Amino acid sequence: QSAWREAGLRPFYICSMIADLVFIGVYSIGAWQAGRSMRLGTSPAFKGLGAIVMLAALVFCLTDYLETTLQFIQMSQEQGVDWMAQTAAFAQPIKIATFLISAFGVLIALVLTRFSLRNA
């Protein structure tokens, strides 16, 4: 944090974190809606994939907001807090895993939809 402050990067990392907070909400809502749309399908597998995407989007949203908020607080105060850093570090792998699950789940659904439309 001191290296970033000395380099004059405080405005940059504050803007970056605010942009990340916006991204988390936008991505989570989009992934949730995609999963919800999949749940409306007729195939049990597609419905199941939709449920997985919805759950992953929810967990991603919670863990990424937790991680980013704790990091933002520490950066704003220009000092680390052990319990905040540990909690953010705990949330990070969960966030990454659920992001990948939701993103690839949506991509798989798009590919399956594309092939089913082509074959219809």
Protein backbone atom coordinates (compact mmCIF):
# COMPACT_ATOMS: atom_id res chain seq x y z
CA GLN A 1 0.00 0.00 0.00
CA SER A 2 2.81 2.39 0.80
CA ALA A 3 4.46 1.68 -2.56
CA TRP A 4 1.20 2.46 -4.37
CA ARG A 5 0.74 5.63 -2.32
CA GLU A 6 4.32 6.79 -2.99
CA ALA A 7 3.84 6.16 -6.71
CA GLY A 8 0.74 8.37 -6.68
CA LEU A 9 -1.58 5.50 -7.60
CA ARG A 10 -4.22 6.05 -4.91
CA PRO A 11 -6.77 7.62 -7.31
CA PHE A 12 -6.16 4.78 -9.78
CA TYR A 13 -6.75 1.95 -7.34
CA ILE A 14 -9.81 3.65 -5.84
CA CYS A 15 -11.34 4.05 -9.31
CA SER A 16 -10.39 0.47 -10.16
CA MET A 17 -12.07 -0.87 -7.04
CA ILE A 18 -15.23 1.15 -7.68
CA ALA A 19 -15.31 -0.22 -11.24
CA ASP A 20 -14.85 -3.72 -9.82
CA LEU A 21 -17.81 -3.21 -7.47
CA VAL A 22 -19.96 -2.21 -10.45
CA PHE A 23 -18.70 -5.18 -12.50
CA ILE A 24 -19.55 -7.64 -9.72
CA GLY A 25 -23.17 -6.52 -9.69
CA VAL A 26 -23.58 -6.40 -13.46
CA TYR A 27 -21.93 -9.79 -14.02
CA SER A 28 -23.83 -11.45 -11.18
CA ILE A 29 -27.21 -10.19 -12.39
CA GLY A 30 -26.41 -11.28 -15.95
CA ALA A 31 -25.26 -14.75 -14.92
CA TRP A 32 -28.26 -15.14 -12.58
CA GLN A 33 -30.65 -14.17 -15.39
CA ALA A 34 -28.94 -16.55 -17.81
CA GLY A 35 -29.29 -19.38 -15.31
CA ARG A 36 -32.92 -18.44 -14.71
CA SER A 37 -33.57 -18.56 -18.45
CA MET A 38 -32.00 -22.01 -18.62
CA ARG A 39 -34.33 -23.17 -15.84
CA LEU A 40 -37.25 -22.39 -18.16
CA GLY A 41 -36.04 -24.98 -20.70
CA THR A 42 -37.59 -28.37 -21.21
CA SER A 43 -34.50 -30.52 -20.76
CA PRO A 44 -33.78 -31.68 -17.20
CA ALA A 45 -30.05 -31.34 -17.91
CA PHE A 46 -30.52 -27.77 -19.11
CA LYS A 47 -32.62 -26.98 -16.03
CA GLY A 48 -29.94 -28.48 -13.81
CA LEU A 49 -27.24 -26.45 -15.54
CA GLY A 50 -29.37 -23.35 -15.00
CA ALA A 51 -29.64 -24.09 -11.29
CA ILE A 52 -25.86 -24.53 -11.05
CA VAL A 53 -25.26 -21.25 -12.88
CA MET A 54 -27.71 -19.43 -10.62
CA LEU A 55 -26.10 -20.80 -7.47
CA ALA A 56 -22.60 -20.04 -8.75
CA ALA A 57 -23.63 -16.48 -9.67
CA LEU A 58 -25.03 -15.92 -6.19
CA VAL A 59 -21.95 -17.29 -4.41
CA PHE A 60 -19.67 -15.33 -6.78
CA CYS A 61 -21.57 -12.13 -5.99
CA LEU A 62 -21.34 -12.61 -2.23
CA THR A 63 -17.70 -13.68 -2.12
CA ASP A 64 -16.44 -11.09 -4.61
CA TYR A 65 -18.30 -8.26 -2.86
CA LEU A 66 -16.87 -9.48 0.44
CA GLU A 67 -13.32 -9.67 -0.90
CA THR A 68 -13.42 -6.36 -2.79
CA THR A 69 -15.13 -4.44 0.01
CA LEU A 70 -12.55 -5.60 2.55
CA GLN A 71 -9.72 -4.73 0.19
CA PHE A 72 -11.29 -1.34 -0.56
CA ILE A 73 -11.56 -0.53 3.15
CA GLN A 74 -7.93 -1.42 3.72
CA MET A 75 -6.73 0.56 0.71
CA SER A 76 -8.84 3.57 1.71
CA GLN A 77 -7.43 3.50 5.23
CA GLU A 78 -3.95 2.91 3.79
CA GLN A 79 -3.27 0.16 6.26
CA GLY A 80 -3.85 -3.55 6.36
CA VAL A 81 -6.05 -5.26 8.91
CA ASP A 82 -5.16 -8.90 9.51
CA TRP A 83 -8.68 -10.28 9.84
CA MET A 84 -9.82 -8.38 6.74
CA ALA A 85 -6.88 -9.62 4.69
CA GLN A 86 -7.41 -13.21 5.89
CA THR A 87 -11.13 -13.09 5.12
CA ALA A 88 -10.49 -11.64 1.66
CA ALA A 89 -7.86 -14.31 1.02
CA PHE A 90 -10.33 -17.01 2.10
CA ALA A 91 -13.05 -15.66 -0.21
CA GLN A 92 -10.80 -15.33 -3.27
CA PRO A 93 -10.56 -19.01 -4.38
CA ILE A 94 -14.30 -19.46 -3.85
CA LYS A 95 -14.94 -16.34 -5.94
CA ILE A 96 -12.67 -17.57 -8.74
CA ALA A 97 -14.22 -21.05 -8.79
CA THR A 98 -17.79 -19.78 -8.87
CA PHE A 99 -16.95 -17.21 -11.53
CA LEU A 100 -15.54 -19.97 -13.75
CA ILE A 101 -18.50 -22.26 -13.07
CA SER A 102 -21.03 -19.57 -13.95
CA ALA A 103 -19.12 -18.28 -16.98
CA PHE A 104 -18.49 -21.71 -18.47
CA GLY A 105 -22.03 -22.82 -17.59
CA VAL A 106 -23.44 -19.95 -19.63
CA LEU A 107 -21.03 -20.65 -22.50
CA ILE A 108 -21.98 -24.34 -22.51
CA ALA A 109 -25.67 -23.37 -22.60
CA LEU A 110 -25.05 -21.03 -25.53
CA VAL A 111 -23.23 -23.74 -27.48
CA LEU A 112 -25.92 -26.32 -26.73
CA THR A 113 -28.65 -23.88 -27.73
CA ARG A 114 -26.82 -23.06 -30.96
CA PHE A 115 -26.47 -26.71 -31.92
CA SER A 116 -30.06 -27.52 -31.02
CA LEU A 117 -31.34 -24.64 -33.15
CA ARG A 118 -29.16 -25.72 -36.04
CA ASN A 119 -30.46 -29.31 -35.85
CA ALA A 120 -34.12 -28.25 -35.53
